[in-house]
Protein backbone atom coordinates (compact mmCIF):
# COMPACT_ATOMS: atom_id res chain seq x y z
CA UNK A 1 -8.66 5.78 3.14
CA UNK A 2 -9.30 4.60 -0.42
CA UNK A 3 -7.29 1.45 0.32
CA UNK A 4 -9.51 0.53 3.26
CA UNK A 5 -12.64 1.25 1.25
CA UNK A 6 -11.50 -1.00 -1.59
CA UNK A 7 -10.51 -3.78 0.81
CA UNK A 8 -13.89 -3.53 2.52
CA UNK A 9 -15.62 -3.77 -0.83
CA UNK A 10 -13.48 -6.77 -1.75
CA UNK A 11 -14.27 -8.51 1.53
CA UNK A 12 -17.97 -7.86 1.03
CA UNK A 13 -17.81 -9.35 -2.49
CA UNK A 14 -16.04 -12.47 -1.23
CA UNK A 15 -18.58 -12.86 1.60
CA UNK A 16 -21.46 -12.44 -0.84
CA UNK A 17 -19.97 -15.11 -3.08
CA UNK A 18 -20.24 -17.59 -0.22
CA UNK A 19 -23.72 -16.44 0.73
CA UNK A 20 -25.18 -16.52 -2.79
CA UNK A 21 -22.95 -19.36 -4.05
CA UNK A 22 -21.93 -17.36 -7.09
CA UNK A 23 -18.20 -17.76 -7.67
CA UNK A 24 -17.90 -14.82 -10.06
CA UNK A 25 -18.71 -12.38 -7.23
CA UNK A 26 -15.75 -13.72 -5.27
CA UNK A 27 -13.55 -13.35 -8.34
CA UNK A 28 -14.61 -9.72 -8.63
CA UNK A 29 -13.75 -9.26 -4.96
CA UNK A 30 -10.31 -10.73 -5.47
CA UNK A 31 -9.74 -8.47 -8.47
CA UNK A 32 -10.76 -5.45 -6.40
CA UNK A 33 -8.36 -6.51 -3.63
CA UNK A 34 -5.59 -6.97 -6.18
CA UNK A 35 -6.24 -3.50 -7.59
CA UNK A 36 -6.30 -2.01 -4.10
CA UNK A 37 -2.98 -3.60 -3.26
CA UNK A 38 -1.20 -2.22 -6.31
CA UNK A 39 -2.81 1.21 -6.46
CA UNK A 40 -2.07 2.06 -2.82
CA UNK A 41 0.59 4.76 -2.77
CA UNK A 42 3.06 4.98 0.06
CA UNK A 43 4.88 8.16 -0.82
CA UNK A 44 8.38 8.42 0.55
CA UNK A 45 9.58 11.99 0.98
CA UNK A 46 12.83 12.56 -0.86
CA UNK A 47 13.68 15.83 0.82
CA UNK A 48 13.97 14.47 4.35
CA UNK A 49 17.45 15.91 4.77
CA UNK A 50 16.12 19.45 4.35
CA UNK A 51 13.45 19.03 7.03
CA UNK A 52 15.35 16.86 9.47
CA UNK A 53 17.89 18.10 11.99
CA UNK A 54 20.11 15.10 11.34
CA UNK A 55 20.95 13.77 7.86
CA UNK A 56 19.93 10.30 6.78
CA UNK A 57 22.01 7.23 7.59
CA UNK A 58 23.18 6.93 3.99
CA UNK A 59 24.51 10.48 3.99
CA UNK A 60 26.29 9.89 7.30
CA UNK A 61 27.96 6.76 5.93
CA UNK A 62 29.14 8.57 2.80
CA UNK A 63 30.59 11.43 4.83
CA UNK A 64 32.36 9.09 7.24
CA UNK A 65 33.91 7.09 4.39
CA UNK A 66 35.69 10.12 2.94
CA UNK A 67 37.48 11.02 6.18
């Protein structure tokens, strides 16, 4: 949700820079978009084998290699 809020704020800043013809507002918008892009967390669960019925593809490949 924070990602969408920051991108909306960035888009508004860029639009205002065209409306008011102030380039620094657009630069602030681009900085906000850059910060939103790199602060967005996409957490990958590491314990998927414990919750899943079937192990991950990597685990299956390792087990098949040893046979």
